[in-house]
N, C-alpha and C. Protein backbone atom coordinates (compact mmCIF):
# COMPACT_ATOMS: atom_id res chain seq x y z
N UNK A 1 136.17 109.80 119.69
CA UNK A 1 134.73 109.67 119.64
C UNK A 1 134.34 109.44 118.18
N UNK A 2 133.33 108.65 118.00
CA UNK A 2 132.80 108.38 116.65
C UNK A 2 131.50 109.18 116.49
N UNK A 3 131.40 109.86 115.35
CA UNK A 3 130.25 110.73 115.07
C UNK A 3 129.67 110.35 113.72
N UNK A 4 128.36 110.32 113.64
CA UNK A 4 127.67 110.08 112.37
C UNK A 4 126.85 111.33 112.05
N UNK A 5 127.06 111.87 110.85
CA UNK A 5 126.36 113.08 110.41
C UNK A 5 125.56 112.72 109.16
N UNK A 6 124.26 112.93 109.22
CA UNK A 6 123.38 112.69 108.08
C UNK A 6 122.94 114.04 107.54
N UNK A 7 123.14 114.23 106.25
CA UNK A 7 122.78 115.50 105.60
C UNK A 7 121.76 115.20 104.51
N UNK A 8 120.62 115.88 104.57
CA UNK A 8 119.54 115.67 103.61
C UNK A 8 119.04 117.01 103.08
N UNK A 9 118.54 117.02 101.85
CA UNK A 9 117.93 118.26 101.34
C UNK A 9 116.71 118.61 102.20
N UNK A 10 116.49 119.87 102.41
CA UNK A 10 115.31 120.30 103.15
C UNK A 10 114.06 119.88 102.39
N UNK A 11 112.98 119.67 103.11
CA UNK A 11 111.73 119.17 102.50
C UNK A 11 111.22 120.10 101.40
N UNK A 12 111.44 121.41 101.55
CA UNK A 12 110.93 122.37 100.57
C UNK A 12 111.82 122.49 99.34
N UNK A 13 112.99 121.84 99.34
CA UNK A 13 113.95 121.97 98.25
C UNK A 13 113.79 120.79 97.29
N UNK A 14 113.70 121.09 96.00
CA UNK A 14 113.61 120.05 94.98
C UNK A 14 114.88 119.21 95.00
N UNK A 15 114.73 117.89 94.92
CA UNK A 15 115.86 116.96 94.89
C UNK A 15 115.86 116.24 93.55
N UNK A 16 116.49 116.84 92.52
CA UNK A 16 116.46 116.25 91.18
C UNK A 16 117.06 114.84 91.13
N UNK A 17 118.11 114.59 91.90
CA UNK A 17 118.71 113.25 91.91
C UNK A 17 117.73 112.23 92.49
N UNK A 18 116.99 112.63 93.50
CA UNK A 18 116.00 111.74 94.08
C UNK A 18 114.86 111.45 93.12
N UNK A 19 114.40 112.48 92.41
CA UNK A 19 113.33 112.31 91.42
C UNK A 19 113.79 111.38 90.30
N UNK A 20 114.99 111.62 89.79
CA UNK A 20 115.52 110.78 88.70
C UNK A 20 115.68 109.33 89.15
N UNK A 21 116.15 109.12 90.38
CA UNK A 21 116.32 107.76 90.89
C UNK A 21 114.98 107.08 91.10
N UNK A 22 113.99 107.82 91.56
CA UNK A 22 112.66 107.24 91.72
C UNK A 22 112.10 106.79 90.37
N UNK A 23 112.30 107.61 89.32
CA UNK A 23 111.85 107.23 87.98
C UNK A 23 112.61 106.01 87.47
N UNK A 24 113.91 105.94 87.75
CA UNK A 24 114.71 104.79 87.32
C UNK A 24 114.23 103.51 88.00
N UNK A 25 113.86 103.61 89.28
CA UNK A 25 113.34 102.44 89.98
C UNK A 25 112.02 101.97 89.36
N UNK A 26 111.19 102.92 88.95
CA UNK A 26 109.94 102.57 88.26
C UNK A 26 110.24 101.79 86.99
N UNK A 27 111.24 102.25 86.21
CA UNK A 27 111.62 101.57 84.97
C UNK A 27 112.18 100.18 85.23
N UNK A 28 112.74 99.97 86.41
CA UNK A 28 113.27 98.65 86.77
C UNK A 28 112.17 97.73 87.31
N UNK A 29 110.96 98.26 87.42
CA UNK A 29 109.85 97.44 87.86
C UNK A 29 109.51 97.58 89.33
N UNK A 30 110.17 98.47 90.04
CA UNK A 30 109.86 98.69 91.45
C UNK A 30 108.83 99.81 91.52
N UNK A 31 107.57 99.43 91.56
CA UNK A 31 106.47 100.40 91.53
C UNK A 31 106.04 100.78 92.94
N UNK A 32 105.42 101.91 93.06
CA UNK A 32 104.89 102.35 94.34
C UNK A 32 105.81 103.29 95.11
N UNK A 33 106.92 103.71 94.52
CA UNK A 33 107.80 104.66 95.20
C UNK A 33 107.11 106.03 95.17
N UNK A 34 106.74 106.54 96.33
CA UNK A 34 106.04 107.82 96.37
C UNK A 34 106.99 108.98 96.64
N UNK A 35 108.13 108.69 97.23
CA UNK A 35 109.09 109.75 97.52
C UNK A 35 110.47 109.13 97.68
N UNK A 36 111.47 109.80 97.16
CA UNK A 36 112.85 109.35 97.31
C UNK A 36 113.73 110.59 97.38
N UNK A 37 114.53 110.69 98.42
CA UNK A 37 115.44 111.81 98.59
C UNK A 37 116.84 111.25 98.82
N UNK A 38 117.82 111.87 98.24
CA UNK A 38 119.19 111.41 98.34
C UNK A 38 120.00 112.41 99.16
N UNK A 39 120.74 111.89 100.13
CA UNK A 39 121.56 112.74 100.98
C UNK A 39 122.96 112.18 101.12
N UNK A 40 123.63 112.61 102.17
CA UNK A 40 125.01 112.19 102.44
C UNK A 40 125.10 111.67 103.86
N UNK A 41 125.96 110.67 104.06
CA UNK A 41 126.26 110.15 105.39
C UNK A 41 127.75 110.28 105.60
N UNK A 42 128.13 110.95 106.68
CA UNK A 42 129.54 111.14 107.02
C UNK A 42 129.79 110.49 108.37
N UNK A 43 130.76 109.60 108.44
CA UNK A 43 131.19 109.03 109.72
C UNK A 43 132.57 109.58 110.02
N UNK A 44 132.75 110.04 111.23
CA UNK A 44 133.95 110.76 111.60
C UNK A 44 134.48 110.22 112.92
N UNK A 45 135.75 109.87 112.97
CA UNK A 45 136.44 109.53 114.22
C UNK A 45 137.28 110.75 114.59
N UNK A 46 137.02 111.32 115.76
CA UNK A 46 137.70 112.56 116.15
C UNK A 46 137.90 112.56 117.66
N UNK A 47 139.00 113.12 118.08
CA UNK A 47 139.28 113.26 119.51
C UNK A 47 139.41 114.74 119.85
N UNK A 48 138.93 115.11 121.01
CA UNK A 48 139.14 116.46 121.51
C UNK A 48 138.17 117.51 121.01
N UNK A 49 137.16 117.14 120.27
CA UNK A 49 136.19 118.12 119.77
C UNK A 49 134.95 118.11 120.66
N UNK A 50 134.38 119.28 120.87
CA UNK A 50 133.12 119.35 121.60
C UNK A 50 131.96 119.22 120.61
N UNK A 51 130.80 118.93 121.14
CA UNK A 51 129.62 118.83 120.28
C UNK A 51 129.34 120.16 119.58
N UNK A 52 129.55 121.25 120.30
CA UNK A 52 129.32 122.58 119.69
C UNK A 52 130.27 122.81 118.51
N UNK A 53 131.52 122.40 118.65
CA UNK A 53 132.47 122.53 117.53
C UNK A 53 132.04 121.67 116.35
N UNK A 54 131.51 120.48 116.63
CA UNK A 54 131.04 119.61 115.56
C UNK A 54 129.82 120.22 114.85
N UNK A 55 128.91 120.80 115.63
CA UNK A 55 127.75 121.47 115.02
C UNK A 55 128.21 122.64 114.15
N UNK A 56 129.20 123.38 114.62
CA UNK A 56 129.70 124.51 113.82
C UNK A 56 130.31 124.00 112.51
N UNK A 57 131.06 122.90 112.57
CA UNK A 57 131.64 122.32 111.35
C UNK A 57 130.55 121.88 110.38
N UNK A 58 129.47 121.34 110.92
CA UNK A 58 128.35 120.92 110.07
C UNK A 58 127.71 122.12 109.39
N UNK A 59 127.50 123.19 110.15
CA UNK A 59 126.86 124.39 109.59
C UNK A 59 127.77 125.12 108.60
N UNK A 60 129.07 125.18 108.91
CA UNK A 60 129.99 126.01 108.12
C UNK A 60 130.64 125.29 106.95
N UNK A 61 130.77 123.97 107.02
CA UNK A 61 131.54 123.27 106.00
C UNK A 61 130.82 122.06 105.40
N UNK A 62 130.26 121.22 106.24
CA UNK A 62 129.75 119.94 105.75
C UNK A 62 128.38 120.02 105.11
N UNK A 63 127.58 120.99 105.48
CA UNK A 63 126.24 121.14 104.90
C UNK A 63 126.05 122.56 104.39
N UNK A 64 125.04 122.72 103.56
CA UNK A 64 124.62 124.03 103.09
C UNK A 64 123.33 124.36 103.83
N UNK A 65 123.39 125.19 104.87
CA UNK A 65 122.20 125.42 105.71
C UNK A 65 121.03 126.07 104.98
N UNK A 66 121.26 126.64 103.80
CA UNK A 66 120.18 127.23 103.03
C UNK A 66 119.32 126.13 102.40
N UNK A 67 119.96 125.02 102.02
CA UNK A 67 119.25 123.97 101.28
C UNK A 67 119.22 122.61 101.98
N UNK A 68 120.02 122.43 103.03
CA UNK A 68 120.15 121.11 103.64
C UNK A 68 119.96 121.18 105.15
N UNK A 69 119.46 120.10 105.70
CA UNK A 69 119.40 119.90 107.14
C UNK A 69 120.40 118.81 107.50
N UNK A 70 120.93 118.87 108.69
CA UNK A 70 121.84 117.82 109.13
C UNK A 70 121.40 117.28 110.49
N UNK A 71 121.81 116.07 110.76
CA UNK A 71 121.56 115.44 112.06
C UNK A 71 122.90 114.90 112.54
N UNK A 72 123.32 115.32 113.71
CA UNK A 72 124.59 114.91 114.31
C UNK A 72 124.32 113.89 115.39
N UNK A 73 124.96 112.74 115.30
CA UNK A 73 124.76 111.67 116.29
C UNK A 73 126.13 111.22 116.79
N UNK A 74 126.36 111.37 118.09
CA UNK A 74 127.59 110.88 118.71
C UNK A 74 127.35 109.41 119.05
N UNK A 75 128.18 108.54 118.45
CA UNK A 75 127.99 107.10 118.62
C UNK A 75 128.77 106.60 119.83
N UNK A 76 130.01 107.04 120.01
CA UNK A 76 130.79 106.63 121.18
C UNK A 76 131.85 107.65 121.50
């Protein structure tokens, strides 16, 4: 099965990399950026895992549940 996991900082958490990148885009002439957040995308090919096991891996290893939210999408 193919799984896509998107991990993003929670809305209440400051994202310094996103802020710095938004400022850099302004310096490059791309004006009007009101918000920019940087996260991670993980694509995983795995056999024999249940969705619950995948959620547990996301909570315990792939994301920091105190500061990040994740979205698990089974593609096939």
